[in-house]
Amino acid sequence: MRNPNTRILGLVLVCFLIAGTLYAGGEGESGGTEKRVLSYAHVFATDHPVHVALLEANDLLKEKSGGRLELNIYPNGTYANYNDAVQAVIMGQLDMAPLDSASEYLPKSGVLLGPYVFRSYAHWNNFKESQLYKNLKKEIGEAVGVKQLDHYNFGFRNVTGNKPLVKLDDFNRLKLRVVNFPPYNEIATIFNAVGTSLPIGDVYMGLQTGVVDAQENPLTQIVTMKFYEVQKYLMLTRHMLAVAGTIMAESTWNSLSPEEQKIIEEVFTFEANRIDEIVQNNENALMDQVESYGMTIIDDIDTRPFMDRVPLVLERNPEWVDLYNNIQSIPD
């Protein structure tokens, strides 16, 4: 999570709110009905798995609610950037948005985005079925002050560069672009690289001009941001599973009937599972795509030297240790 300052969003947010949660009352032949439109803002492109799954979830929401509930989806950051959208949900000025890390509110939850926490997609799926996850999801919602719905994944994050990066020595003095907030910045620790912060929109130019030497992202992001145009190698380090989950404003959640709350939970469990499914099914196709653009994929990497540095990360984040150990005890 970025720093959650409650900056005044002012008239801009007020204008957005007018287009946000709407109530459209009307009389049908069978009596009075009320339609409620819930605003959902995210920063992803319209072909991203999150948006694709949201469109399907919206159809399911309308079906399950008999048309009483519907989403108004703002993609591509058209409502607000990531941080402002999250803050708007927390303040009750936006109904729904994705939240990746709640570590600033519940420090131990940062481990979900820690390096080499999830071994495989099967491990992630089993974690989501566990009581450990259900308890953590509730804790996150209470700590942030929102209704936390189910989490999903964007795929494993991998490194790209203009030379093979397969050993710790290869990363020595390497300027690796990292996301500038915990726990993402711990990625530089496991690779013993020089972590360099750049906004995602500046990464392409940063790679092109040498401000940074390498970057790491899920395959979906590597393709959509066209990093294959400025990087020659894709190393399948699979060092972190990128995860996030939908949050709903507490005031919105509390305004729903028990039946509507149940529908929302069912629909966003479907959404999360659908994103997981799309990401996992698309992985091979995305690798074929970057290869067709001229990238060399290096898969036979001994990741043990990187994994051996995880204890350094846990030393720096002692609040992660118990949850990390509990997650590791879950089978693949």
C-alpha atoms as a PDB file:
ATOM      1  CA  MET A   1       0.000   0.000   0.000  1.00  0.00           C
ATOM      2  CA  ARG A   2       1.130   3.473  -0.751  1.00  0.00           C
ATOM      3  CA  ASN A   3       1.144   6.013   2.020  1.00  0.00           C
ATOM      4  CA  PRO A   4      -2.550   6.390   2.907  1.00  0.00           C
ATOM      5  CA  ASN A   5      -2.686  10.140   3.344  1.00  0.00           C
ATOM      6  CA  THR A   6      -6.213  11.371   3.143  1.00  0.00           C
ATOM      7  CA  ARG A   7      -5.535  14.074   0.632  1.00  0.00           C
ATOM      8  CA  ILE A   8      -8.488  16.209  -0.225  1.00  0.00           C
ATOM      9  CA  LEU A   9      -9.908  14.874  -3.441  1.00  0.00           C
ATOM     10  CA  GLY A  10     -12.252  17.887  -3.564  1.00  0.00           C
ATOM     11  CA  LEU A  11     -14.567  18.697  -6.361  1.00  0.00           C
ATOM     12  CA  VAL A  12     -12.964  16.173  -8.687  1.00  0.00           C
ATOM     13  CA  LEU A  13     -14.106  13.286  -6.504  1.00  0.00           C
ATOM     14  CA  VAL A  14     -17.471  14.908  -5.915  1.00  0.00           C
ATOM     15  CA  CYS A  15     -18.003  14.972  -9.668  1.00  0.00           C
ATOM     16  CA  PHE A  16     -17.000  11.359  -9.927  1.00  0.00           C
ATOM     17  CA  LEU A  17     -19.322  10.444  -7.101  1.00  0.00           C
ATOM     18  CA  ILE A  18     -22.235  11.841  -9.048  1.00  0.00           C
ATOM     19  CA  ALA A  19     -21.406   9.225 -11.685  1.00  0.00           C
ATOM     20  CA  GLY A  20     -20.604   6.617  -9.041  1.00  0.00           C
ATOM     21  CA  THR A  21     -23.127   4.925  -6.786  1.00  0.00           C
ATOM     22  CA  LEU A  22     -26.555   5.634  -8.263  1.00  0.00           C
ATOM     23  CA  TYR A  23     -30.055   4.850  -7.179  1.00  0.00           C
ATOM     24  CA  ALA A  24     -32.599   4.634  -9.981  1.00  0.00           C
ATOM     25  CA  GLY A  25     -36.086   4.197  -8.561  1.00  0.00           C
ATOM     26  CA  GLY A  26     -38.915   3.016 -10.761  1.00  0.00           C
ATOM     27  CA  GLU A  27     -42.293   1.353 -10.698  1.00  0.00           C
ATOM     28  CA  GLY A  28     -42.754  -1.907 -12.582  1.00  0.00           C
ATOM     29  CA  GLU A  29     -45.948  -3.856 -13.200  1.00  0.00           C
ATOM     30  CA  SER A  30     -45.297  -6.022 -10.153  1.00  0.00           C
ATOM     31  CA  GLY A  31     -44.614  -3.121  -7.779  1.00  0.00           C
ATOM     32  CA  GLY A  32     -41.749  -0.829  -6.759  1.00  0.00           C
ATOM     33  CA  THR A  33     -38.171  -1.735  -7.596  1.00  0.00           C
ATOM     34  CA  GLU A  34     -34.889   0.009  -6.917  1.00  0.00           C
ATOM     35  CA  LYS A  35     -31.758  -0.436  -8.981  1.00  0.00           C
ATOM     36  CA  ARG A  36     -28.381   0.253  -7.427  1.00  0.00           C
ATOM     37  CA  VAL A  37     -25.249   0.866  -9.466  1.00  0.00           C
ATOM     38  CA  LEU A  38     -21.962   0.297  -7.633  1.00  0.00           C
ATOM     39  CA  SER A  39     -18.893   2.170  -8.853  1.00  0.00           C
ATOM     40  CA  TYR A  40     -15.712   0.108  -9.334  1.00  0.00           C
ATOM     41  CA  ALA A  41     -12.459   1.859 -10.318  1.00  0.00           C
ATOM     42  CA  HIS A  42      -9.205   0.220 -11.395  1.00  0.00           C
ATOM     43  CA  VAL A  43      -6.075   1.147 -13.360  1.00  0.00           C
ATOM     44  CA  PHE A  44      -5.916  -1.832 -15.734  1.00  0.00           C
ATOM     45  CA  ALA A  45      -6.451  -1.877 -19.496  1.00  0.00           C
ATOM     46  CA  THR A  46      -9.701  -3.247 -20.872  1.00  0.00           C
ATOM     47  CA  ASP A  47      -7.976  -6.425 -22.100  1.00  0.00           C
ATOM     48  CA  HIS A  48      -6.397  -7.132 -18.701  1.00  0.00           C
ATOM     49  CA  PRO A  49      -7.698 -10.230 -16.859  1.00  0.00           C
ATOM     50  CA  VAL A  50      -9.055  -8.040 -14.039  1.00  0.00           C
ATOM     51  CA  HIS A  51     -11.283  -6.032 -16.366  1.00  0.00           C
ATOM     52  CA  VAL A  52     -12.333  -9.065 -18.400  1.00  0.00           C
ATOM     53  CA  ALA A  53     -13.358 -10.897 -15.218  1.00  0.00           C
ATOM     54  CA  LEU A  54     -15.163  -7.815 -13.888  1.00  0.00           C
ATOM     55  CA  LEU A  55     -17.334  -7.672 -17.005  1.00  0.00           C
ATOM     56  CA  GLU A  56     -18.282 -11.315 -16.464  1.00  0.00           C
ATOM     57  CA  ALA A  57     -18.843 -10.658 -12.755  1.00  0.00           C
ATOM     58  CA  ASN A  58     -21.148  -7.764 -13.611  1.00  0.00           C
ATOM     59  CA  ASP A  59     -23.305 -10.056 -15.747  1.00  0.00           C
ATOM     60  CA  LEU A  60     -23.463 -12.547 -12.877  1.00  0.00           C
ATOM     61  CA  LEU A  61     -24.288  -9.778 -10.389  1.00  0.00           C
ATOM     62  CA  LYS A  62     -27.222  -8.585 -12.481  1.00  0.00           C
ATOM     63  CA  GLU A  63     -28.436 -12.159 -12.896  1.00  0.00           C
ATOM     64  CA  LYS A  64     -28.197 -13.115  -9.214  1.00  0.00           C
ATOM     65  CA  SER A  65     -29.779  -9.855  -8.016  1.00  0.00           C
ATOM     66  CA  GLY A  66     -32.586  -9.888 -10.552  1.00  0.00           C
ATOM     67  CA  GLY A  67     -31.248  -6.641 -11.992  1.00  0.00           C
ATOM     68  CA  ARG A  68     -31.234  -4.789  -8.666  1.00  0.00           C
ATOM     69  CA  LEU A  69     -27.426  -4.562  -8.476  1.00  0.00           C
ATOM     70  CA  GLU A  70     -25.009  -3.560 -11.216  1.00  0.00           C
ATOM     71  CA  LEU A  71     -21.410  -2.357 -11.564  1.00  0.00           C
ATOM     72  CA  ASN A  72     -20.268   0.849 -13.228  1.00  0.00           C
ATOM     73  CA  ILE A  73     -16.635   0.009 -14.045  1.00  0.00           C
ATOM     74  CA  TYR A  74     -13.970   2.682 -14.568  1.00  0.00           C
ATOM     75  CA  PRO A  75     -10.876   1.075 -16.210  1.00  0.00           C
ATOM     76  CA  ASN A  76      -7.506   2.563 -17.168  1.00  0.00           C
ATOM     77  CA  GLY A  77      -7.330   4.897 -14.169  1.00  0.00           C
ATOM     78  CA  THR A  78     -10.141   7.034 -15.619  1.00  0.00           C
ATOM     79  CA  TYR A  79     -11.671   7.510 -12.173  1.00  0.00           C
ATOM     80  CA  ALA A  80      -8.445   7.919 -10.199  1.00  0.00           C
ATOM     81  CA  ASN A  81      -4.982   6.437  -9.890  1.00  0.00           C
ATOM     82  CA  TYR A  82      -4.492   3.317  -7.775  1.00  0.00           C
ATOM     83  CA  ASN A  83      -3.755   5.067  -4.505  1.00  0.00           C
ATOM     84  CA  ASP A  84      -6.532   7.639  -4.782  1.00  0.00           C
ATOM     85  CA  ALA A  85      -9.058   4.940  -5.671  1.00  0.00           C
ATOM     86  CA  VAL A  86      -8.094   2.914  -2.589  1.00  0.00           C
ATOM     87  CA  GLN A  87      -8.327   5.993  -0.387  1.00  0.00           C
ATOM     88  CA  ALA A  88     -11.706   6.888  -1.887  1.00  0.00           C
ATOM     89  CA  VAL A  89     -13.026   3.433  -0.928  1.00  0.00           C
ATOM     90  CA  ILE A  90     -11.635   3.753   2.594  1.00  0.00           C
ATOM     91  CA  MET A  91     -13.317   7.159   2.949  1.00  0.00           C
ATOM     92  CA  GLY A  92     -16.601   5.872   1.520  1.00  0.00           C
ATOM     93  CA  GLN A  93     -16.395   8.044  -1.598  1.00  0.00           C
ATOM     94  CA  LEU A  94     -16.110   5.105  -4.020  1.00  0.00           C
ATOM     95  CA  ASP A  95     -17.799   1.742  -3.724  1.00  0.00           C
ATOM     96  CA  MET A  96     -15.099  -0.669  -4.876  1.00  0.00           C
ATOM     97  CA  ALA A  97     -11.479  -0.940  -6.043  1.00  0.00           C
ATOM     98  CA  PRO A  98      -8.576  -3.425  -5.980  1.00  0.00           C
ATOM     99  CA  LEU A  99      -6.115  -3.419  -3.065  1.00  0.00           C
ATOM    100  CA  ASP A 100      -2.812  -5.261  -3.387  1.00  0.00           C
ATOM    101  CA  SER A 101      -0.980  -4.762  -0.086  1.00  0.00           C
ATOM    102  CA  ALA A 102      -2.540  -3.863   3.257  1.00  0.00           C
ATOM    103  CA  SER A 103       0.822  -3.977   5.022  1.00  0.00           C
ATOM    104  CA  GLU A 104       0.588  -0.399   6.265  1.00  0.00           C
ATOM    105  CA  TYR A 105      -2.607  -1.291   8.122  1.00  0.00           C
ATOM    106  CA  LEU A 106      -1.872  -4.920   9.008  1.00  0.00           C
ATOM    107  CA  PRO A 107       1.918  -5.381   8.793  1.00  0.00           C
ATOM    108  CA  LYS A 108       1.901  -9.180   8.782  1.00  0.00           C
ATOM    109  CA  SER A 109      -0.264  -9.219   5.647  1.00  0.00           C
ATOM    110  CA  GLY A 110       2.693  -7.856   3.668  1.00  0.00           C
ATOM    111  CA  VAL A 111       3.988 -11.411   3.474  1.00  0.00           C
ATOM    112  CA  LEU A 112       1.378 -12.115   0.773  1.00  0.00           C
ATOM    113  CA  LEU A 113       3.599 -10.075  -1.551  1.00  0.00           C
ATOM    114  CA  GLY A 114       6.865 -11.330  -0.158  1.00  0.00           C
ATOM    115  CA  PRO A 115       9.481 -13.152  -2.256  1.00  0.00           C
ATOM    116  CA  TYR A 116       9.189 -16.905  -2.691  1.00  0.00           C
ATOM    117  CA  VAL A 117       6.135 -17.225  -0.444  1.00  0.00           C
ATOM    118  CA  PHE A 118       3.941 -19.178  -2.874  1.00  0.00           C
ATOM    119  CA  ARG A 119       5.596 -22.131  -4.571  1.00  0.00           C
ATOM    120  CA  SER A 120       3.019 -22.751  -7.288  1.00  0.00           C
ATOM    121  CA  TYR A 121      -0.486 -21.893  -8.410  1.00  0.00           C
ATOM    122  CA  ALA A 122      -1.682 -25.033  -6.620  1.00  0.00           C
ATOM    123  CA  HIS A 123      -0.096 -23.755  -3.410  1.00  0.00           C
ATOM    124  CA  TRP A 124      -1.913 -20.426  -3.864  1.00  0.00           C
ATOM    125  CA  ASN A 125      -5.233 -22.149  -4.571  1.00  0.00           C
ATOM    126  CA  ASN A 126      -4.901 -24.328  -1.464  1.00  0.00           C
ATOM    127  CA  PHE A 127      -4.036 -21.278   0.628  1.00  0.00           C
ATOM    128  CA  LYS A 128      -7.225 -19.566  -0.568  1.00  0.00           C
ATOM    129  CA  GLU A 129      -9.239 -22.588   0.549  1.00  0.00           C
ATOM    130  CA  SER A 130      -7.673 -22.592   4.016  1.00  0.00           C
ATOM    131  CA  GLN A 131      -9.057 -21.246   7.273  1.00  0.00           C
ATOM    132  CA  LEU A 132      -5.779 -19.336   7.571  1.00  0.00           C
ATOM    133  CA  TYR A 133      -6.741 -17.275   4.517  1.00  0.00           C
ATOM    134  CA  LYS A 134     -10.339 -16.766   5.633  1.00  0.00           C
ATOM    135  CA  ASN A 135      -9.150 -15.427   8.994  1.00  0.00           C
ATOM    136  CA  LEU A 136      -6.546 -13.199   7.346  1.00  0.00           C
ATOM    137  CA  LYS A 137      -9.061 -11.778   4.883  1.00  0.00           C
ATOM    138  CA  LYS A 138     -11.306 -10.764   7.782  1.00  0.00           C
ATOM    139  CA  GLU A 139      -8.361  -9.230   9.662  1.00  0.00           C
ATOM    140  CA  ILE A 140      -7.338  -7.195   6.609  1.00  0.00           C
ATOM    141  CA  GLY A 141     -10.834  -5.791   6.192  1.00  0.00           C
ATOM    142  CA  GLU A 142     -11.061  -4.816   9.850  1.00  0.00           C
ATOM    143  CA  ALA A 143      -7.600  -3.226   9.854  1.00  0.00           C
ATOM    144  CA  VAL A 144      -8.151  -1.199   6.678  1.00  0.00           C
ATOM    145  CA  GLY A 145     -11.743  -0.300   7.533  1.00  0.00           C
ATOM    146  CA  VAL A 146     -13.348  -1.889   4.463  1.00  0.00           C
ATOM    147  CA  LYS A 147     -15.046  -5.107   3.417  1.00  0.00           C
ATOM    148  CA  GLN A 148     -12.254  -7.279   2.014  1.00  0.00           C
ATOM    149  CA  LEU A 149     -13.508  -9.631  -0.681  1.00  0.00           C
ATOM    150  CA  ASP A 150     -11.589 -12.544  -2.193  1.00  0.00           C
ATOM    151  CA  HIS A 151      -8.032 -12.230  -3.480  1.00  0.00           C
ATOM    152  CA  TYR A 152      -6.734 -13.219  -6.906  1.00  0.00           C
ATOM    153  CA  ASN A 153      -3.356 -13.372  -8.619  1.00  0.00           C
ATOM    154  CA  PHE A 154      -1.807 -11.712 -11.680  1.00  0.00           C
ATOM    155  CA  GLY A 155       0.759 -14.454 -12.118  1.00  0.00           C
ATOM    156  CA  PHE A 156       4.323 -14.901 -10.959  1.00  0.00           C
ATOM    157  CA  ARG A 157       6.659 -11.941 -11.336  1.00  0.00           C
ATOM    158  CA  ASN A 158       9.745 -12.503 -13.500  1.00  0.00           C
ATOM    159  CA  VAL A 159      12.863 -10.504 -14.325  1.00  0.00           C
ATOM    160  CA  THR A 160      13.727  -9.005 -17.721  1.00  0.00           C
ATOM    161  CA  GLY A 161      17.112  -7.613 -18.746  1.00  0.00           C
ATOM    162  CA  ASN A 162      19.506  -7.093 -21.630  1.00  0.00           C
ATOM    163  CA  LYS A 163      21.793  -9.902 -20.490  1.00  0.00           C
ATOM    164  CA  PRO A 164      21.149 -13.268 -18.842  1.00  0.00           C
ATOM    165  CA  LEU A 165      20.501 -12.802 -15.114  1.00  0.00           C
ATOM    166  CA  VAL A 166      20.632 -16.249 -13.574  1.00  0.00           C
ATOM    167  CA  LYS A 167      23.088 -16.002 -10.654  1.00  0.00           C
ATOM    168  CA  LEU A 168      23.475 -13.634  -7.717  1.00  0.00           C
ATOM    169  CA  ASP A 169      26.686 -12.301  -9.237  1.00  0.00           C
ATOM    170  CA  ASP A 170      24.758 -11.297 -12.360  1.00  0.00           C
ATOM    171  CA  PHE A 171      22.717  -8.856 -10.257  1.00  0.00           C
ATOM    172  CA  ASN A 172      25.735  -7.237  -8.595  1.00  0.00           C
ATOM    173  CA  ARG A 173      25.483  -3.438  -9.064  1.00  0.00           C
ATOM    174  CA  LEU A 174      22.526  -4.003 -11.402  1.00  0.00           C
ATOM    175  CA  LYS A 175      19.897  -1.245 -11.256  1.00  0.00           C
ATOM    176  CA  LEU A 176      16.676  -3.213 -10.871  1.00  0.00           C
ATOM    177  CA  ARG A 177      13.447  -1.268 -11.066  1.00  0.00           C
ATOM    178  CA  VAL A 178      11.256  -2.072  -8.071  1.00  0.00           C
ATOM    179  CA  VAL A 179       7.908  -0.784  -6.875  1.00  0.00           C
ATOM    180  CA  ASN A 180       8.636   1.834  -4.240  1.00  0.00           C
ATOM    181  CA  PHE A 181       6.689   0.568  -1.274  1.00  0.00           C
ATOM    182  CA  PRO A 182       6.793  -2.448   1.025  1.00  0.00           C
ATOM    183  CA  PRO A 183       6.814  -5.335   0.478  1.00  0.00           C
ATOM    184  CA  TYR A 184       7.748  -5.017  -3.212  1.00  0.00           C
ATOM    185  CA  ASN A 185      11.049  -3.310  -2.448  1.00  0.00           C
ATOM    186  CA  GLU A 186      12.267  -6.507  -0.755  1.00  0.00           C
ATOM    187  CA  ILE A 187      12.709  -8.001  -4.221  1.00  0.00           C
ATOM    188  CA  ALA A 188      16.013  -6.137  -4.526  1.00  0.00           C
ATOM    189  CA  THR A 189      17.116  -7.893  -1.319  1.00  0.00           C
ATOM    190  CA  ILE A 190      16.732 -11.424  -2.658  1.00  0.00           C
ATOM    191  CA  PHE A 191      18.623 -10.577  -5.849  1.00  0.00           C
ATOM    192  CA  ASN A 192      21.230  -8.420  -4.089  1.00  0.00           C
ATOM    193  CA  ALA A 193      20.529  -5.765  -6.725  1.00  0.00           C
ATOM    194  CA  VAL A 194      20.403  -1.978  -6.524  1.00  0.00           C
ATOM    195  CA  GLY A 195      16.685  -1.317  -6.114  1.00  0.00           C
ATOM    196  CA  THR A 196      15.641   1.704  -8.167  1.00  0.00           C
ATOM    197  CA  SER A 197      12.156   3.183  -7.947  1.00  0.00           C
ATOM    198  CA  LEU A 198      10.276   4.297 -11.050  1.00  0.00           C
ATOM    199  CA  PRO A 199       6.535   4.750 -11.648  1.00  0.00           C
ATOM    200  CA  ILE A 200       5.239   2.009 -13.917  1.00  0.00           C
ATOM    201  CA  GLY A 201       4.540   4.510 -16.692  1.00  0.00           C
ATOM    202  CA  ASP A 202       8.211   5.564 -16.726  1.00  0.00           C
ATOM    203  CA  VAL A 203       9.738   2.080 -16.759  1.00  0.00           C
ATOM    204  CA  TYR A 204       9.814   1.653 -20.552  1.00  0.00           C
ATOM    205  CA  MET A 205      11.722   4.922 -21.019  1.00  0.00           C
ATOM    206  CA  GLY A 206      13.904   4.131 -18.012  1.00  0.00           C
ATOM    207  CA  LEU A 207      14.943   0.830 -19.580  1.00  0.00           C
ATOM    208  CA  GLN A 208      15.480   2.465 -22.952  1.00  0.00           C
ATOM    209  CA  THR A 209      17.708   5.231 -21.575  1.00  0.00           C
ATOM    210  CA  GLY A 210      19.604   3.162 -19.010  1.00  0.00           C
ATOM    211  CA  VAL A 211      18.115   4.777 -15.914  1.00  0.00           C
ATOM    212  CA  VAL A 212      17.458   1.169 -14.908  1.00  0.00           C
ATOM    213  CA  ASP A 213      19.051  -2.004 -16.284  1.00  0.00           C
ATOM    214  CA  ALA A 214      16.286  -4.485 -15.581  1.00  0.00           C
ATOM    215  CA  GLN A 215      12.762  -4.750 -14.229  1.00  0.00           C
ATOM    216  CA  GLU A 216      10.429  -7.398 -12.831  1.00  0.00           C
ATOM    217  CA  ASN A 217       6.721  -7.902 -13.445  1.00  0.00           C
ATOM    218  CA  PRO A 218       4.125 -10.559 -14.228  1.00  0.00           C
ATOM    219  CA  LEU A 219       3.995 -11.727 -17.844  1.00  0.00           C
ATOM    220  CA  THR A 220       0.746  -9.849 -18.445  1.00  0.00           C
ATOM    221  CA  GLN A 221       2.395  -6.560 -17.534  1.00  0.00           C
ATOM    222  CA  ILE A 222       5.551  -7.347 -19.521  1.00  0.00           C
ATOM    223  CA  VAL A 223       3.411  -7.825 -22.631  1.00  0.00           C
ATOM    224  CA  THR A 224       0.963  -4.949 -22.161  1.00  0.00           C
ATOM    225  CA  MET A 225       3.780  -2.494 -21.360  1.00  0.00           C
ATOM    226  CA  LYS A 226       5.817  -3.784 -24.350  1.00  0.00           C
ATOM    227  CA  PHE A 227       8.987  -4.262 -22.328  1.00  0.00           C
ATOM    228  CA  TYR A 228      10.031  -6.824 -24.947  1.00  0.00           C
ATOM    229  CA  GLU A 229      10.878  -3.845 -27.184  1.00  0.00           C
ATOM    230  CA  VAL A 230      13.634  -2.647 -24.833  1.00  0.00           C
ATOM    231  CA  GLN A 231      14.721  -5.886 -23.109  1.00  0.00           C
ATOM    232  CA  LYS A 232      16.332  -8.949 -24.702  1.00  0.00           C
ATOM    233  CA  TYR A 233      15.937 -11.619 -22.015  1.00  0.00           C
ATOM    234  CA  LEU A 234      13.095 -12.906 -19.874  1.00  0.00           C
ATOM    235  CA  MET A 235      14.252 -14.867 -16.828  1.00  0.00           C
ATOM    236  CA  LEU A 236      11.531 -17.070 -15.317  1.00  0.00           C
ATOM    237  CA  THR A 237      12.590 -16.438 -11.730  1.00  0.00           C
ATOM    238  CA  ARG A 238       8.987 -16.741 -10.469  1.00  0.00           C
ATOM    239  CA  HIS A 239      10.147 -14.876  -7.389  1.00  0.00           C
ATOM    240  CA  MET A 240       6.812 -13.492  -6.258  1.00  0.00           C
ATOM    241  CA  LEU A 241       3.150 -14.170  -6.929  1.00  0.00           C
ATOM    242  CA  ALA A 242       1.450 -10.854  -7.621  1.00  0.00           C
ATOM    243  CA  VAL A 243      -1.804 -10.807  -5.647  1.00  0.00           C
ATOM    244  CA  ALA A 244      -4.606  -8.347  -4.940  1.00  0.00           C
ATOM    245  CA  GLY A 245      -8.243  -8.384  -3.915  1.00  0.00           C
ATOM    246  CA  THR A 246     -11.375  -6.299  -4.249  1.00  0.00           C
ATOM    247  CA  ILE A 247     -12.324  -4.028  -1.363  1.00  0.00           C
ATOM    248  CA  MET A 248     -15.722  -2.436  -0.780  1.00  0.00           C
ATOM    249  CA  ALA A 249     -16.431   0.709   1.210  1.00  0.00           C
ATOM    250  CA  GLU A 250     -17.673  -0.214   4.668  1.00  0.00           C
ATOM    251  CA  SER A 251     -20.584   2.213   4.322  1.00  0.00           C
ATOM    252  CA  THR A 252     -21.611   0.565   1.048  1.00  0.00           C
ATOM    253  CA  TRP A 253     -21.374  -2.925   2.544  1.00  0.00           C
ATOM    254  CA  ASN A 254     -23.421  -1.952   5.585  1.00  0.00           C
ATOM    255  CA  SER A 255     -26.109  -0.410   3.380  1.00  0.00           C
ATOM    256  CA  LEU A 256     -26.734  -3.723   1.612  1.00  0.00           C
ATOM    257  CA  SER A 257     -29.288  -6.252   2.791  1.00  0.00           C
ATOM    258  CA  PRO A 258     -28.024  -9.644   4.045  1.00  0.00           C
ATOM    259  CA  GLU A 259     -29.210 -11.188   0.775  1.00  0.00           C
ATOM    260  CA  GLU A 260     -27.328  -8.576  -1.258  1.00  0.00           C
ATOM    261  CA  GLN A 261     -24.184  -9.043   0.840  1.00  0.00           C
ATOM    262  CA  LYS A 262     -24.305 -12.776   0.124  1.00  0.00           C
ATOM    263  CA  ILE A 263     -24.661 -12.088  -3.604  1.00  0.00           C
ATOM    264  CA  ILE A 264     -21.691  -9.691  -3.563  1.00  0.00           C
ATOM    265  CA  GLU A 265     -19.508 -12.271  -1.811  1.00  0.00           C
ATOM    266  CA  GLU A 266     -20.503 -14.996  -4.282  1.00  0.00           C
ATOM    267  CA  VAL A 267     -19.937 -12.758  -7.307  1.00  0.00           C
ATOM    268  CA  PHE A 268     -16.511 -11.575  -6.183  1.00  0.00           C
ATOM    269  CA  THR A 269     -15.433 -15.093  -5.298  1.00  0.00           C
ATOM    270  CA  PHE A 270     -16.322 -15.906  -8.897  1.00  0.00           C
ATOM    271  CA  GLU A 271     -14.394 -12.828 -10.090  1.00  0.00           C
ATOM    272  CA  ALA A 272     -11.269 -13.773  -8.134  1.00  0.00           C
ATOM    273  CA  ASN A 273     -11.354 -17.389  -9.305  1.00  0.00           C
ATOM    274  CA  ARG A 274     -11.954 -16.258 -12.882  1.00  0.00           C
ATOM    275  CA  ILE A 275      -8.909 -13.952 -12.815  1.00  0.00           C
ATOM    276  CA  ASP A 276      -6.800 -16.811 -11.440  1.00  0.00           C
ATOM    277  CA  GLU A 277      -8.081 -19.042 -14.231  1.00  0.00           C
ATOM    278  CA  ILE A 278      -7.423 -16.516 -17.019  1.00  0.00           C
ATOM    279  CA  VAL A 279      -3.917 -15.760 -15.758  1.00  0.00           C
ATOM    280  CA  GLN A 280      -2.934 -19.408 -15.445  1.00  0.00           C
ATOM    281  CA  ASN A 281      -4.444 -20.388 -18.799  1.00  0.00           C
ATOM    282  CA  ASN A 282      -2.749 -17.488 -20.606  1.00  0.00           C
ATOM    283  CA  GLU A 283       0.758 -18.034 -19.249  1.00  0.00           C
ATOM    284  CA  ASN A 284       2.075 -20.234 -22.065  1.00  0.00           C
ATOM    285  CA  ALA A 285       0.482 -18.035 -24.724  1.00  0.00           C
ATOM    286  CA  LEU A 286       2.138 -14.950 -23.223  1.00  0.00           C
ATOM    287  CA  MET A 287       5.536 -16.649 -23.263  1.00  0.00           C
ATOM    288  CA  ASP A 288       5.008 -17.606 -26.904  1.00  0.00           C
ATOM    289  CA  GLN A 289       4.096 -13.995 -27.586  1.00  0.00           C
ATOM    290  CA  VAL A 290       7.242 -12.476 -26.073  1.00  0.00           C
ATOM    291  CA  GLU A 291       9.345 -15.078 -27.892  1.00  0.00           C
ATOM    292  CA  SER A 292       7.712 -14.068 -31.159  1.00  0.00           C
ATOM    293  CA  TYR A 293       8.784 -10.490 -30.422  1.00  0.00           C
ATOM    294  CA  GLY A 294      12.402 -11.613 -30.153  1.00  0.00           C
ATOM    295  CA  MET A 295      12.925 -12.127 -26.428  1.00  0.00           C
ATOM    296  CA  THR A 296      15.008 -15.067 -25.261  1.00  0.00           C
ATOM    297  CA  ILE A 297      13.337 -16.944 -22.400  1.00  0.00           C
ATOM    298  CA  ILE A 298      15.592 -18.521 -19.775  1.00  0.00           C
ATOM    299  CA  ASP A 299      13.724 -21.084 -17.709  1.00  0.00           C
ATOM    300  CA  ASP A 300      16.433 -23.384 -16.331  1.00  0.00           C
ATOM    301  CA  ILE A 301      17.381 -21.146 -13.413  1.00  0.00           C
ATOM    302  CA  ASP A 302      18.617 -22.464 -10.082  1.00  0.00           C
ATOM    303  CA  THR A 303      16.560 -20.242  -7.783  1.00  0.00           C
ATOM    304  CA  ARG A 304      17.961 -21.717  -4.562  1.00  0.00           C
ATOM    305  CA  PRO A 305      20.570 -18.941  -4.061  1.00  0.00           C
ATOM    306  CA  PHE A 306      17.757 -16.386  -4.308  1.00  0.00           C
ATOM    307  CA  MET A 307      15.502 -18.382  -1.998  1.00  0.00           C
ATOM    308  CA  ASP A 308      18.363 -18.709   0.474  1.00  0.00           C
ATOM    309  CA  ARG A 309      18.129 -14.935   0.950  1.00  0.00           C
ATOM    310  CA  VAL A 310      14.496 -15.072   2.113  1.00  0.00           C
ATOM    311  CA  PRO A 311      15.636 -15.267   5.787  1.00  0.00           C
ATOM    312  CA  LEU A 312      17.250 -11.833   5.280  1.00  0.00           C
ATOM    313  CA  VAL A 313      13.855 -10.506   4.238  1.00  0.00           C
ATOM    314  CA  LEU A 314      12.183 -12.124   7.254  1.00  0.00           C
ATOM    315  CA  GLU A 315      14.792 -10.591   9.559  1.00  0.00           C
ATOM    316  CA  ARG A 316      13.854  -7.194   8.173  1.00  0.00           C
ATOM    317  CA  ASN A 317      10.142  -7.990   8.544  1.00  0.00           C
ATOM    318  CA  PRO A 318       9.755 -10.054  11.738  1.00  0.00           C
ATOM    319  CA  GLU A 319       5.997  -9.487  11.723  1.00  0.00           C
ATOM    320  CA  TRP A 320       5.825 -11.769   8.660  1.00  0.00           C
ATOM    321  CA  VAL A 321       7.463 -14.808  10.217  1.00  0.00           C
ATOM    322  CA  ASP A 322       4.510 -16.648  11.770  1.00  0.00           C
ATOM    323  CA  LEU A 323       2.249 -16.158   8.767  1.00  0.00           C
ATOM    324  CA  TYR A 324       5.070 -17.083   6.384  1.00  0.00           C
ATOM    325  CA  ASN A 325       5.671 -20.350   8.250  1.00  0.00           C
ATOM    326  CA  ASN A 326       1.958 -21.148   8.307  1.00  0.00           C
ATOM    327  CA  ILE A 327       1.677 -20.551   4.561  1.00  0.00           C
ATOM    328  CA  GLN A 328       4.701 -22.773   3.923  1.00  0.00           C
ATOM    329  CA  SER A 329       2.997 -25.598   5.835  1.00  0.00           C
ATOM    330  CA  ILE A 330       0.129 -25.645   3.315  1.00  0.00           C
ATOM    331  CA  PRO A 331       0.710 -28.321   0.637  1.00  0.00           C
ATOM    332  CA  ASP A 332       0.841 -27.693  -3.098  1.00  0.00           C
END
